[in-house]
Amino acid sequence: MPGKPLLQISARGGKSSYLLVRTPDSVPVKGVLFQNKVYDAVPLGSTFHGLHEYKVYVPTANLNSGDRVEVSVVIYKGNGVKLPFDAVLNRNGKSYVLQAKGDHALPEEINITQSGEEGIVTESQIAGQKLVVAKPDILLKLVSGYALKIKE
């Protein structure tokens, strides 16, 4: 909710603290990226103004109760391929990536496992393939048969 705290830091003393994370139920929290390291989120089984609460223990002693810090919420943990949004073409309710094969781009259907702010995750076997990353209008032209020119 606008103006409501998303995170709260509480000091436990010693050399660790915990972050209190509040998110809507549509955000499945798996962990938090804090100071370039991912920490597990523990669901508290409670809500605050309709926001689900999680506790994340972090090994740092320089946080005080009430401090606010910038973190990234991890919504997917597992094996998969992370793709930028511009690598995916959505047509007729299906998602495709375009593989660069010579001077053409061949569409391959993928299943999107998770979608977030930084892109999408798919478990499709596309790791190591050359994929086209472009805006949707360019991807549509390539699907319709336009020649592909790769600059390296």
N, C-alpha and C. Protein backbone atom coordinates (compact mmCIF):
# COMPACT_ATOMS: atom_id res chain seq x y z
N MET A 1 0.85 -1.18 0.00
CA MET A 1 0.00 0.00 0.00
C MET A 1 0.89 1.23 0.00
N PRO A 2 0.52 2.28 -0.72
CA PRO A 2 1.34 3.49 -0.74
C PRO A 2 1.49 4.07 0.66
N GLY A 3 2.72 4.45 0.99
CA GLY A 3 2.99 5.07 2.26
C GLY A 3 3.14 4.11 3.42
N LYS A 4 2.97 2.82 3.18
CA LYS A 4 3.11 1.82 4.24
C LYS A 4 4.50 1.20 4.13
N PRO A 5 5.13 0.89 5.26
CA PRO A 5 6.49 0.33 5.21
C PRO A 5 6.51 -1.05 4.56
N LEU A 6 7.52 -1.29 3.72
CA LEU A 6 7.72 -2.58 3.09
C LEU A 6 8.72 -3.40 3.88
N LEU A 7 9.70 -2.75 4.47
CA LEU A 7 10.73 -3.42 5.25
C LEU A 7 10.94 -2.70 6.57
N GLN A 8 11.25 -3.46 7.60
CA GLN A 8 11.59 -2.89 8.89
C GLN A 8 12.78 -3.67 9.42
N ILE A 9 13.76 -2.98 9.96
CA ILE A 9 14.95 -3.63 10.49
C ILE A 9 14.86 -3.64 12.00
N SER A 10 15.13 -4.80 12.58
CA SER A 10 15.12 -4.90 14.03
C SER A 10 16.46 -5.47 14.47
N ALA A 11 17.09 -4.84 15.45
CA ALA A 11 18.39 -5.29 15.94
C ALA A 11 18.21 -6.40 16.96
N ARG A 12 19.03 -7.46 16.87
CA ARG A 12 19.01 -8.55 17.84
C ARG A 12 20.22 -8.49 18.73
N GLY A 13 21.10 -7.56 18.49
CA GLY A 13 22.35 -7.52 19.25
C GLY A 13 23.34 -8.48 18.64
N GLY A 14 24.54 -8.42 19.09
CA GLY A 14 25.56 -9.33 18.55
C GLY A 14 25.96 -8.93 17.15
N LYS A 15 26.17 -9.92 16.29
CA LYS A 15 26.67 -9.65 14.96
C LYS A 15 25.64 -9.93 13.87
N SER A 16 24.37 -9.94 14.22
CA SER A 16 23.36 -10.14 13.19
C SER A 16 22.12 -9.33 13.51
N SER A 17 21.32 -9.13 12.48
CA SER A 17 20.06 -8.41 12.59
C SER A 17 19.06 -9.16 11.73
N TYR A 18 17.84 -8.70 11.75
CA TYR A 18 16.89 -9.27 10.80
C TYR A 18 16.10 -8.17 10.13
N LEU A 19 15.68 -8.47 8.90
CA LEU A 19 14.86 -7.56 8.14
C LEU A 19 13.43 -8.07 8.21
N LEU A 20 12.49 -7.19 8.40
CA LEU A 20 11.08 -7.54 8.36
C LEU A 20 10.57 -7.11 7.00
N VAL A 21 10.12 -8.06 6.21
CA VAL A 21 9.68 -7.80 4.84
C VAL A 21 8.17 -7.98 4.77
N ARG A 22 7.49 -7.02 4.16
CA ARG A 22 6.05 -7.10 3.97
C ARG A 22 5.74 -6.97 2.48
N THR A 23 5.00 -7.93 1.96
CA THR A 23 4.67 -7.93 0.54
C THR A 23 3.22 -8.35 0.35
N PRO A 24 2.63 -7.99 -0.80
CA PRO A 24 1.29 -8.49 -1.10
C PRO A 24 1.33 -10.00 -1.32
N ASP A 25 0.19 -10.66 -1.20
CA ASP A 25 0.17 -12.12 -1.35
C ASP A 25 0.50 -12.55 -2.78
N SER A 26 0.44 -11.64 -3.74
CA SER A 26 0.78 -11.99 -5.13
C SER A 26 2.28 -12.07 -5.36
N VAL A 27 3.10 -11.68 -4.36
CA VAL A 27 4.56 -11.74 -4.48
C VAL A 27 5.05 -12.90 -3.62
N PRO A 28 5.44 -14.01 -4.26
CA PRO A 28 5.92 -15.18 -3.51
C PRO A 28 7.37 -15.01 -3.07
N VAL A 29 7.61 -14.59 -1.85
CA VAL A 29 8.96 -14.29 -1.37
C VAL A 29 9.72 -15.57 -1.07
N LYS A 30 10.85 -15.77 -1.75
CA LYS A 30 11.74 -16.91 -1.51
C LYS A 30 12.97 -16.48 -0.73
N GLY A 31 13.32 -15.21 -0.82
CA GLY A 31 14.50 -14.69 -0.14
C GLY A 31 14.66 -13.22 -0.44
N VAL A 32 15.77 -12.66 0.04
CA VAL A 32 16.07 -11.25 -0.16
C VAL A 32 17.53 -11.12 -0.55
N LEU A 33 17.80 -10.31 -1.56
CA LEU A 33 19.17 -9.99 -1.96
C LEU A 33 19.58 -8.74 -1.20
N PHE A 34 20.54 -8.91 -0.27
CA PHE A 34 21.00 -7.82 0.58
C PHE A 34 22.52 -7.83 0.56
N GLN A 35 23.12 -6.71 0.19
CA GLN A 35 24.58 -6.57 0.10
C GLN A 35 25.18 -7.69 -0.75
N ASN A 36 24.59 -7.92 -1.92
CA ASN A 36 25.06 -8.87 -2.93
C ASN A 36 25.02 -10.33 -2.48
N LYS A 37 24.20 -10.67 -1.51
CA LYS A 37 24.05 -12.05 -1.08
C LYS A 37 22.57 -12.32 -0.83
N VAL A 38 22.14 -13.54 -1.19
CA VAL A 38 20.74 -13.92 -1.01
C VAL A 38 20.57 -14.60 0.34
N TYR A 39 19.57 -14.14 1.08
CA TYR A 39 19.24 -14.72 2.39
C TYR A 39 17.81 -15.25 2.34
N ASP A 40 17.58 -16.39 3.00
CA ASP A 40 16.26 -17.00 3.01
C ASP A 40 15.27 -16.16 3.80
N ALA A 41 14.02 -16.19 3.35
CA ALA A 41 12.93 -15.50 4.04
C ALA A 41 12.10 -16.52 4.80
N VAL A 42 11.80 -16.21 6.04
CA VAL A 42 11.00 -17.09 6.89
C VAL A 42 9.61 -16.48 7.02
N PRO A 43 8.57 -17.17 6.52
CA PRO A 43 7.22 -16.61 6.66
C PRO A 43 6.80 -16.58 8.12
N LEU A 44 6.22 -15.46 8.53
CA LEU A 44 5.80 -15.32 9.92
C LEU A 44 4.36 -15.76 10.15
N GLY A 45 3.63 -16.00 9.08
CA GLY A 45 2.24 -16.44 9.22
C GLY A 45 1.34 -15.33 9.74
N SER A 46 1.73 -14.07 9.51
CA SER A 46 0.91 -12.95 9.96
C SER A 46 0.86 -11.90 8.85
N THR A 47 -0.05 -10.97 9.00
CA THR A 47 -0.19 -9.90 8.02
C THR A 47 -0.20 -8.55 8.71
N PHE A 48 0.10 -7.52 7.95
CA PHE A 48 0.08 -6.14 8.42
C PHE A 48 -0.63 -5.34 7.34
N HIS A 49 -1.86 -4.89 7.60
CA HIS A 49 -2.67 -4.18 6.60
C HIS A 49 -2.77 -4.98 5.30
N GLY A 50 -2.95 -6.28 5.41
CA GLY A 50 -3.10 -7.14 4.23
C GLY A 50 -1.81 -7.57 3.58
N LEU A 51 -0.66 -7.16 4.10
CA LEU A 51 0.64 -7.54 3.54
C LEU A 51 1.19 -8.71 4.34
N HIS A 52 1.68 -9.73 3.65
CA HIS A 52 2.28 -10.88 4.31
C HIS A 52 3.65 -10.50 4.87
N GLU A 53 3.98 -11.04 6.04
CA GLU A 53 5.23 -10.68 6.70
C GLU A 53 6.23 -11.82 6.68
N TYR A 54 7.50 -11.47 6.46
CA TYR A 54 8.60 -12.43 6.44
C TYR A 54 9.75 -11.85 7.26
N LYS A 55 10.54 -12.74 7.84
CA LYS A 55 11.72 -12.33 8.58
C LYS A 55 12.93 -12.88 7.84
N VAL A 56 13.95 -12.02 7.67
CA VAL A 56 15.17 -12.40 6.96
C VAL A 56 16.35 -12.05 7.86
N TYR A 57 17.06 -13.07 8.33
CA TYR A 57 18.23 -12.84 9.17
C TYR A 57 19.43 -12.52 8.31
N VAL A 58 20.14 -11.43 8.66
CA VAL A 58 21.33 -11.01 7.93
C VAL A 58 22.48 -10.83 8.91
N PRO A 59 23.69 -11.30 8.54
CA PRO A 59 24.84 -11.20 9.46
C PRO A 59 25.52 -9.84 9.40
N THR A 60 24.90 -8.84 9.98
CA THR A 60 25.50 -7.52 10.02
C THR A 60 25.11 -6.85 11.33
N ALA A 61 26.04 -6.16 11.92
CA ALA A 61 25.77 -5.52 13.21
C ALA A 61 25.60 -4.02 13.06
N ASN A 62 25.70 -3.49 11.85
CA ASN A 62 25.65 -2.04 11.70
C ASN A 62 24.25 -1.52 11.33
N LEU A 63 23.21 -2.29 11.60
CA LEU A 63 21.84 -1.85 11.37
C LEU A 63 21.17 -1.56 12.70
N ASN A 64 20.37 -0.54 12.72
CA ASN A 64 19.63 -0.18 13.92
C ASN A 64 18.15 -0.40 13.68
N SER A 65 17.41 -0.63 14.73
CA SER A 65 15.98 -0.80 14.63
C SER A 65 15.36 0.45 14.00
N GLY A 66 14.52 0.23 12.99
CA GLY A 66 13.89 1.36 12.31
C GLY A 66 14.62 1.81 11.06
N ASP A 67 15.85 1.34 10.83
CA ASP A 67 16.57 1.70 9.60
C ASP A 67 15.84 1.14 8.39
N ARG A 68 16.01 1.81 7.27
CA ARG A 68 15.45 1.33 6.00
C ARG A 68 16.62 1.12 5.04
N VAL A 69 16.62 -0.02 4.39
CA VAL A 69 17.69 -0.32 3.43
C VAL A 69 17.07 -0.81 2.13
N GLU A 70 17.81 -0.65 1.05
CA GLU A 70 17.34 -1.11 -0.25
C GLU A 70 17.72 -2.56 -0.44
N VAL A 71 16.76 -3.38 -0.80
CA VAL A 71 16.98 -4.79 -1.06
C VAL A 71 16.19 -5.18 -2.31
N SER A 72 16.49 -6.37 -2.84
CA SER A 72 15.70 -6.95 -3.92
C SER A 72 15.04 -8.21 -3.37
N VAL A 73 13.77 -8.37 -3.67
CA VAL A 73 13.04 -9.55 -3.21
C VAL A 73 13.19 -10.65 -4.25
N VAL A 74 13.62 -11.83 -3.80
CA VAL A 74 13.79 -12.99 -4.68
C VAL A 74 12.46 -13.73 -4.74
N ILE A 75 11.92 -13.90 -5.95
CA ILE A 75 10.62 -14.56 -6.08
C ILE A 75 10.72 -15.92 -6.74
N TYR A 76 11.93 -16.33 -7.12
CA TYR A 76 12.11 -17.65 -7.72
C TYR A 76 13.45 -18.22 -7.31
N LYS A 77 13.44 -19.47 -6.87
CA LYS A 77 14.66 -20.21 -6.58
C LYS A 77 14.55 -21.55 -7.28
N GLY A 78 15.53 -21.86 -8.06
CA GLY A 78 15.51 -23.13 -8.78
C GLY A 78 16.36 -23.02 -10.03
N ASN A 79 16.32 -24.07 -10.82
CA ASN A 79 17.06 -24.10 -12.07
C ASN A 79 16.20 -23.55 -13.18
N GLY A 80 16.78 -22.71 -13.99
CA GLY A 80 16.07 -22.12 -15.11
C GLY A 80 16.97 -21.16 -15.84
N VAL A 81 16.44 -20.57 -16.89
CA VAL A 81 17.16 -19.59 -17.69
C VAL A 81 16.45 -18.26 -17.54
N LYS A 82 17.21 -17.24 -17.11
CA LYS A 82 16.66 -15.90 -16.96
C LYS A 82 16.81 -15.17 -18.29
N LEU A 83 15.71 -14.60 -18.76
CA LEU A 83 15.70 -13.88 -20.03
C LEU A 83 15.18 -12.47 -19.83
N PRO A 84 15.70 -11.51 -20.59
CA PRO A 84 15.12 -10.17 -20.55
C PRO A 84 13.76 -10.19 -21.25
N PHE A 85 12.90 -9.25 -20.92
CA PHE A 85 11.57 -9.21 -21.53
C PHE A 85 11.65 -9.09 -23.05
N ASP A 86 12.67 -8.38 -23.55
CA ASP A 86 12.80 -8.17 -25.00
C ASP A 86 13.23 -9.42 -25.75
N ALA A 87 13.49 -10.52 -25.07
CA ALA A 87 13.83 -11.77 -25.76
C ALA A 87 12.61 -12.64 -25.97
N VAL A 88 11.46 -12.21 -25.46
CA VAL A 88 10.26 -13.04 -25.51
C VAL A 88 9.19 -12.37 -26.36
N LEU A 89 8.62 -13.14 -27.27
CA LEU A 89 7.52 -12.69 -28.11
C LEU A 89 6.26 -13.42 -27.68
N ASN A 90 5.22 -12.67 -27.36
CA ASN A 90 3.94 -13.26 -26.96
C ASN A 90 2.96 -13.15 -28.11
N ARG A 91 2.43 -14.32 -28.53
CA ARG A 91 1.45 -14.35 -29.63
C ARG A 91 0.40 -15.39 -29.31
N ASN A 92 -0.85 -14.99 -29.40
CA ASN A 92 -1.99 -15.90 -29.20
C ASN A 92 -1.91 -16.66 -27.89
N GLY A 93 -1.50 -15.99 -26.83
CA GLY A 93 -1.44 -16.62 -25.52
C GLY A 93 -0.24 -17.53 -25.30
N LYS A 94 0.68 -17.58 -26.23
CA LYS A 94 1.88 -18.41 -26.10
C LYS A 94 3.11 -17.51 -26.13
N SER A 95 4.20 -18.00 -25.55
CA SER A 95 5.45 -17.24 -25.49
C SER A 95 6.51 -17.94 -26.33
N TYR A 96 7.29 -17.16 -27.06
CA TYR A 96 8.33 -17.68 -27.95
C TYR A 96 9.63 -16.92 -27.75
N VAL A 97 10.74 -17.61 -28.00
CA VAL A 97 12.03 -16.96 -28.19
C VAL A 97 12.44 -17.24 -29.61
N LEU A 98 13.28 -16.37 -30.17
CA LEU A 98 13.74 -16.54 -31.55
C LEU A 98 15.20 -16.94 -31.54
N GLN A 99 15.49 -18.10 -32.10
CA GLN A 99 16.87 -18.58 -32.20
C GLN A 99 17.47 -18.05 -33.50
N ALA A 100 18.68 -17.52 -33.40
CA ALA A 100 19.39 -17.05 -34.58
C ALA A 100 20.02 -18.24 -35.28
N LYS A 101 19.57 -18.53 -36.50
CA LYS A 101 20.11 -19.62 -37.32
C LYS A 101 20.49 -19.04 -38.68
N GLY A 102 21.77 -18.75 -38.83
CA GLY A 102 22.22 -18.14 -40.08
C GLY A 102 21.64 -16.75 -40.23
N ASP A 103 20.92 -16.51 -41.33
CA ASP A 103 20.32 -15.20 -41.55
C ASP A 103 18.82 -15.18 -41.26
N HIS A 104 18.35 -16.19 -40.52
CA HIS A 104 16.94 -16.24 -40.14
C HIS A 104 16.80 -16.48 -38.64
N ALA A 105 15.63 -16.15 -38.14
CA ALA A 105 15.32 -16.38 -36.74
C ALA A 105 14.17 -17.38 -36.67
N LEU A 106 14.41 -18.47 -35.95
CA LEU A 106 13.39 -19.52 -35.83
C LEU A 106 12.72 -19.44 -34.46
N PRO A 107 11.38 -19.36 -34.45
CA PRO A 107 10.68 -19.28 -33.17
C PRO A 107 10.66 -20.63 -32.45
N GLU A 108 10.80 -20.58 -31.13
CA GLU A 108 10.69 -21.77 -30.30
C GLU A 108 9.79 -21.43 -29.11
N GLU A 109 8.76 -22.22 -28.91
CA GLU A 109 7.83 -21.96 -27.82
C GLU A 109 8.49 -22.28 -26.48
N ILE A 110 8.24 -21.42 -25.49
CA ILE A 110 8.76 -21.64 -24.15
C ILE A 110 7.62 -21.52 -23.14
N ASN A 111 7.82 -22.10 -21.98
CA ASN A 111 6.89 -21.94 -20.87
C ASN A 111 7.54 -21.02 -19.85
N ILE A 112 6.84 -19.97 -19.48
CA ILE A 112 7.37 -19.03 -18.50
C ILE A 112 7.08 -19.57 -17.11
N THR A 113 8.14 -19.80 -16.34
CA THR A 113 8.02 -20.32 -14.98
C THR A 113 7.69 -19.21 -13.99
N GLN A 114 8.37 -18.07 -14.13
CA GLN A 114 8.17 -16.94 -13.22
C GLN A 114 8.51 -15.66 -13.95
N SER A 115 7.84 -14.59 -13.56
CA SER A 115 8.10 -13.28 -14.16
C SER A 115 8.28 -12.28 -13.03
N GLY A 116 9.26 -11.40 -13.18
CA GLY A 116 9.54 -10.40 -12.15
C GLY A 116 9.91 -9.07 -12.77
N GLU A 117 10.51 -8.20 -11.99
CA GLU A 117 10.91 -6.89 -12.48
C GLU A 117 12.07 -6.94 -13.45
N GLU A 118 12.96 -7.91 -13.29
CA GLU A 118 14.19 -7.96 -14.07
C GLU A 118 14.08 -8.85 -15.30
N GLY A 119 12.98 -9.55 -15.48
CA GLY A 119 12.83 -10.42 -16.63
C GLY A 119 11.97 -11.62 -16.29
N ILE A 120 12.13 -12.67 -17.09
CA ILE A 120 11.35 -13.89 -16.89
C ILE A 120 12.30 -15.07 -16.71
N VAL A 121 11.76 -16.15 -16.14
CA VAL A 121 12.52 -17.39 -15.99
C VAL A 121 11.77 -18.48 -16.71
N THR A 122 12.49 -19.27 -17.48
CA THR A 122 11.91 -20.42 -18.15
C THR A 122 12.76 -21.64 -17.85
N GLU A 123 12.11 -22.79 -17.79
CA GLU A 123 12.83 -24.04 -17.60
C GLU A 123 13.05 -24.76 -18.93
N SER A 124 12.70 -24.09 -20.03
CA SER A 124 12.92 -24.65 -21.37
C SER A 124 14.40 -24.82 -21.62
N GLN A 125 14.75 -25.78 -22.44
CA GLN A 125 16.15 -26.10 -22.72
C GLN A 125 16.71 -25.18 -23.80
N ILE A 126 16.97 -23.93 -23.44
CA ILE A 126 17.50 -22.97 -24.41
C ILE A 126 18.86 -22.42 -24.01
N ALA A 127 19.42 -22.95 -22.93
CA ALA A 127 20.73 -22.46 -22.46
C ALA A 127 21.78 -22.69 -23.55
N GLY A 128 22.60 -21.68 -23.79
CA GLY A 128 23.68 -21.79 -24.76
C GLY A 128 23.27 -21.46 -26.19
N GLN A 129 22.00 -21.24 -26.45
CA GLN A 129 21.56 -20.91 -27.80
C GLN A 129 21.67 -19.42 -28.04
N LYS A 130 21.88 -19.03 -29.30
CA LYS A 130 21.89 -17.62 -29.66
C LYS A 130 20.45 -17.17 -29.85
N LEU A 131 20.01 -16.26 -28.99
CA LEU A 131 18.64 -15.77 -29.05
C LEU A 131 18.62 -14.31 -29.48
N VAL A 132 17.55 -13.93 -30.17
CA VAL A 132 17.38 -12.56 -30.62
C VAL A 132 16.74 -11.76 -29.49
N VAL A 133 17.33 -10.62 -29.16
CA VAL A 133 16.78 -9.71 -28.17
C VAL A 133 16.47 -8.41 -28.89
N ALA A 134 15.18 -8.09 -29.00
CA ALA A 134 14.75 -6.88 -29.70
C ALA A 134 13.33 -6.54 -29.25
N LYS A 135 12.86 -5.39 -29.66
CA LYS A 135 11.50 -4.97 -29.33
C LYS A 135 10.50 -5.85 -30.09
N PRO A 136 9.26 -5.97 -29.59
CA PRO A 136 8.28 -6.87 -30.19
C PRO A 136 8.04 -6.65 -31.68
N ASP A 137 8.04 -5.40 -32.15
CA ASP A 137 7.80 -5.17 -33.57
C ASP A 137 8.90 -5.78 -34.44
N ILE A 138 10.14 -5.73 -33.97
CA ILE A 138 11.25 -6.33 -34.71
C ILE A 138 11.12 -7.86 -34.68
N LEU A 139 10.77 -8.41 -33.52
CA LEU A 139 10.60 -9.87 -33.41
C LEU A 139 9.51 -10.35 -34.35
N LEU A 140 8.41 -9.60 -34.46
CA LEU A 140 7.33 -9.98 -35.37
C LEU A 140 7.79 -9.97 -36.82
N LYS A 141 8.59 -8.98 -37.18
CA LYS A 141 9.11 -8.93 -38.56
C LYS A 141 10.00 -10.14 -38.83
N LEU A 142 10.82 -10.52 -37.85
CA LEU A 142 11.70 -11.68 -38.05
C LEU A 142 10.90 -12.98 -38.17
N VAL A 143 9.83 -13.10 -37.43
CA VAL A 143 8.98 -14.30 -37.52
C VAL A 143 8.32 -14.38 -38.89
N SER A 144 7.99 -13.22 -39.47
CA SER A 144 7.31 -13.20 -40.78
C SER A 144 8.27 -13.43 -41.94
N GLY A 145 9.58 -13.56 -41.66
CA GLY A 145 10.51 -13.93 -42.73
C GLY A 145 11.58 -12.92 -43.06
N TYR A 146 11.64 -11.79 -42.38
CA TYR A 146 12.70 -10.83 -42.62
C TYR A 146 14.05 -11.47 -42.32
N ALA A 147 15.06 -11.07 -43.07
CA ALA A 147 16.41 -11.60 -42.86
C ALA A 147 17.01 -11.00 -41.59
N LEU A 148 17.83 -11.80 -40.95
CA LEU A 148 18.49 -11.40 -39.71
C LEU A 148 19.93 -11.02 -40.02
N LYS A 149 20.37 -9.90 -39.47
CA LYS A 149 21.75 -9.48 -39.64
C LYS A 149 22.35 -9.30 -38.27
N ILE A 150 23.35 -10.13 -37.93
CA ILE A 150 23.95 -10.11 -36.62
C ILE A 150 25.22 -9.28 -36.64
N LYS A 151 25.30 -8.32 -35.72
CA LYS A 151 26.51 -7.51 -35.58
C LYS A 151 27.27 -8.06 -34.39
N GLU A 152 28.53 -8.35 -34.57
CA GLU A 152 29.34 -8.89 -33.47
C GLU A 152 30.49 -7.98 -33.15
